[in-house]
Protein backbone atom coordinates (compact mmCIF):
# COMPACT_ATOMS: atom_id res chain seq x y z
CA UNK A 1 2.46 18.30 24.26
CA UNK A 2 5.38 16.42 25.47
CA UNK A 3 5.20 12.34 26.14
CA UNK A 4 2.73 11.35 28.80
CA UNK A 5 2.57 8.49 31.20
CA UNK A 6 -0.13 5.84 31.09
CA UNK A 7 -1.88 7.71 34.29
CA UNK A 8 -2.05 10.85 32.48
CA UNK A 9 -3.70 9.37 29.55
CA UNK A 10 -6.15 7.48 31.77
CA UNK A 11 -7.25 10.65 33.55
CA UNK A 12 -8.18 12.33 30.10
CA UNK A 13 -9.71 8.99 28.92
CA UNK A 14 -11.89 10.11 26.15
CA UNK A 15 -15.74 9.23 26.24
CA UNK A 16 -16.31 5.48 25.35
CA UNK A 17 -12.72 4.78 25.80
CA UNK A 18 -12.42 1.25 27.24
CA UNK A 19 -8.72 0.55 27.09
CA UNK A 20 -5.40 2.10 26.58
CA UNK A 21 -2.24 0.15 25.84
CA UNK A 22 1.29 1.29 24.78
CA UNK A 23 0.19 1.41 21.24
CA UNK A 24 -3.66 1.91 20.97
CA UNK A 25 -6.81 3.22 22.48
CA UNK A 26 -9.97 1.09 22.31
CA UNK A 27 -13.45 2.41 21.95
CA UNK A 28 -16.94 0.86 22.13
CA UNK A 29 -19.66 2.88 20.55
CA UNK A 30 -22.83 1.72 20.43
CA UNK A 31 -22.71 -1.27 17.98
CA UNK A 32 -19.09 -0.42 16.86
CA UNK A 33 -15.53 -1.37 18.37
CA UNK A 34 -12.86 1.17 17.35
CA UNK A 35 -9.10 0.38 17.60
CA UNK A 36 -7.11 3.83 17.29
CA UNK A 37 -3.36 4.03 17.09
CA UNK A 38 -1.70 6.48 19.44
CA UNK A 39 -0.90 9.81 18.28
CA UNK A 40 2.71 11.10 18.87
CA UNK A 41 1.56 13.28 21.54
CA UNK A 42 0.05 10.49 23.43
CA UNK A 43 3.20 8.23 23.18
CA UNK A 44 4.09 7.18 26.73
CA UNK A 45 7.06 7.30 28.87
CA UNK A 46 8.82 4.20 30.23
CA UNK A 47 8.39 4.83 33.98
CA UNK A 48 11.42 2.78 34.71
CA UNK A 49 13.96 4.13 32.10
CA UNK A 50 12.29 7.58 31.54
CA UNK A 51 12.39 7.01 27.65
CA UNK A 52 9.66 7.61 25.35
CA UNK A 53 7.92 4.40 24.10
CA UNK A 54 7.61 4.73 20.50
CA UNK A 55 5.01 2.21 19.03
CA UNK A 56 6.91 0.66 16.02
CA UNK A 57 4.53 0.05 13.09
CA UNK A 58 1.41 1.06 15.20
CA UNK A 59 -0.32 2.53 12.11
CA UNK A 60 0.84 -0.17 9.83
CA UNK A 61 -0.51 -2.90 12.16
CA UNK A 62 -4.16 -1.59 12.00
CA UNK A 63 -3.88 -1.12 8.11
CA UNK A 64 -2.85 -4.69 7.96
CA UNK A 65 -5.59 -5.87 10.04
CA UNK A 66 -8.24 -4.15 7.94
CA UNK A 67 -6.67 -5.61 4.79
CA UNK A 68 -6.61 -9.02 6.42
CA UNK A 69 -9.93 -8.80 7.59
CA UNK A 70 -11.16 -7.97 4.17
CA UNK A 71 -9.61 -10.65 2.63
CA UNK A 72 -10.70 -13.24 5.01
CA UNK A 73 -14.31 -12.14 4.42
CA UNK A 74 -13.85 -12.45 0.71
CA UNK A 75 -11.88 -15.55 0.32
CA UNK A 76 -13.52 -17.66 3.23
CA UNK A 77 -16.68 -18.49 4.89
CA UNK A 78 -15.00 -17.72 8.27
CA UNK A 79 -16.82 -15.43 10.89
CA UNK A 80 -15.32 -11.98 10.69
CA UNK A 81 -16.64 -8.87 12.27
CA UNK A 82 -18.09 -6.24 9.59
CA UNK A 83 -15.46 -3.68 8.78
CA UNK A 84 -17.03 -0.30 9.00
CA UNK A 85 -14.24 1.99 8.33
CA UNK A 86 -10.16 2.10 8.40
CA UNK A 87 -8.89 5.62 7.85
CA UNK A 88 -6.03 7.79 8.99
CA UNK A 89 -6.28 11.11 10.87
CA UNK A 90 -4.02 13.25 12.68
CA UNK A 91 -1.14 11.03 12.66
CA UNK A 92 -3.24 7.95 13.85
CA UNK A 93 -5.30 5.24 12.14
CA UNK A 94 -8.72 4.35 13.19
CA UNK A 95 -10.20 0.89 12.54
CA UNK A 96 -13.69 0.66 13.11
CA UNK A 97 -15.66 -2.66 13.20
CA UNK A 98 -18.93 -4.20 14.20
CA UNK A 99 -19.01 -4.88 17.84
CA UNK A 100 -19.62 -8.55 18.59
CA UNK A 101 -20.86 -9.64 22.01
CA UNK A 102 -19.48 -12.76 23.26
CA UNK A 103 -18.63 -15.06 26.41
CA UNK A 104 -15.13 -15.55 27.52
CA UNK A 105 -13.64 -19.13 27.13
CA UNK A 106 -12.63 -19.34 30.74
CA UNK A 107 -16.33 -18.66 31.48
CA UNK A 108 -17.78 -21.71 29.49
CA UNK A 109 -18.28 -25.17 30.98
CA UNK A 110 -15.66 -27.73 29.86
CA UNK A 111 -18.19 -29.62 27.36
CA UNK A 112 -19.20 -26.37 25.47
CA UNK A 113 -15.38 -24.97 25.61
CA UNK A 114 -14.46 -28.44 23.78
CA UNK A 115 -16.88 -27.77 21.04
CA UNK A 116 -15.36 -24.04 20.57
CA UNK A 117 -11.77 -25.39 20.60
CA UNK A 118 -12.67 -27.80 17.71
CA UNK A 119 -14.60 -24.98 15.81
CA UNK A 120 -11.34 -22.81 16.21
CA UNK A 121 -9.19 -25.76 14.99
CA UNK A 122 -11.34 -25.70 11.79
CA UNK A 123 -10.97 -22.10 11.36
CA UNK A 124 -7.19 -22.26 11.79
CA UNK A 125 -6.86 -24.78 9.04
CA UNK A 126 -8.88 -22.74 6.72
CA UNK A 127 -6.14 -19.67 7.50
CA UNK A 128 -3.42 -22.12 7.06
CA UNK A 129 -4.66 -23.10 3.55
CA UNK A 130 -4.55 -19.36 2.24
CA UNK A 131 -1.40 -18.86 0.23
CA UNK A 132 0.33 -15.99 -1.46
CA UNK A 133 3.41 -15.09 -3.13
CA UNK A 134 3.38 -11.59 -1.50
CA UNK A 135 5.08 -11.11 1.75
CA UNK A 136 3.17 -9.26 4.64
CA UNK A 137 -0.25 -10.73 3.94
CA UNK A 138 -2.84 -9.17 1.99
CA UNK A 139 -1.72 -5.27 2.89
CA UNK A 140 1.76 -6.27 1.70
CA UNK A 141 2.78 -4.45 4.77
CA UNK A 142 5.86 -6.57 6.03
CA UNK A 143 5.76 -6.29 9.92
CA UNK A 144 8.52 -8.30 11.36
CA UNK A 145 8.61 -10.19 14.87
CA UNK A 146 9.86 -7.71 17.65
CA UNK A 147 12.97 -9.99 18.15
CA UNK A 148 13.74 -9.03 14.34
CA UNK A 149 13.03 -5.45 14.96
CA UNK A 150 15.16 -4.82 18.06
CA UNK A 151 18.39 -6.27 16.15
CA UNK A 152 17.58 -4.39 12.84
CA UNK A 153 16.06 -1.21 12.62
CA UNK A 154 14.41 -0.41 9.42
CA UNK A 155 11.50 2.23 8.46
CA UNK A 156 10.27 -0.30 5.92
CA UNK A 157 10.54 -3.91 4.90
CA UNK A 158 10.38 -4.18 1.10
CA UNK A 159 10.33 -7.83 -0.03
CA UNK A 160 10.91 -9.44 -3.40
CA UNK A 161 7.48 -11.23 -4.69
CA UNK A 162 7.89 -15.10 -4.19
CA UNK A 163 8.11 -17.06 -7.47
CA UNK A 164 5.51 -19.60 -6.04
CA UNK A 165 2.60 -19.23 -3.75
CA UNK A 166 4.09 -20.77 -0.73
CA UNK A 167 3.79 -17.98 1.86
CA UNK A 168 0.75 -18.91 4.19
CA UNK A 169 -1.60 -16.67 5.89
CA UNK A 170 -1.18 -18.26 9.18
CA UNK A 171 1.59 -20.62 10.22
């Protein structure tokens, strides 16, 4: 099947699909939330240029997210959704987690928002305290920022292990 437009994907949206972006589909099924990378047959056409939008590192990002969730759950007391599964199927990666009901920060009254902001600041400090000598986080998959990927095309980014554990989980 040739590349598609976002409108074509939307018309053929699968049951329980709650969203589609340039690199993923999102599903809410019962108490689970599923993120799935797009398959090559679902890659979209840029309506302005007519070129195919190839999601760079789409599968690797989900594998990295899975490894990060497992690492955080094992090494901290931070609240993380339960990871039910992460697997590859038909050129796509599926990440299946617990679905957690929540309230938008924008909908919270000012006093409650301040409490949540303070709690998040503590969580960020915990993440900053996690260090490693391996580039790319717990998965070891290095995914450079977009501005770097645009200038230097590489299929993989292999990095040497650091001599000291001075790489932080979150900066």
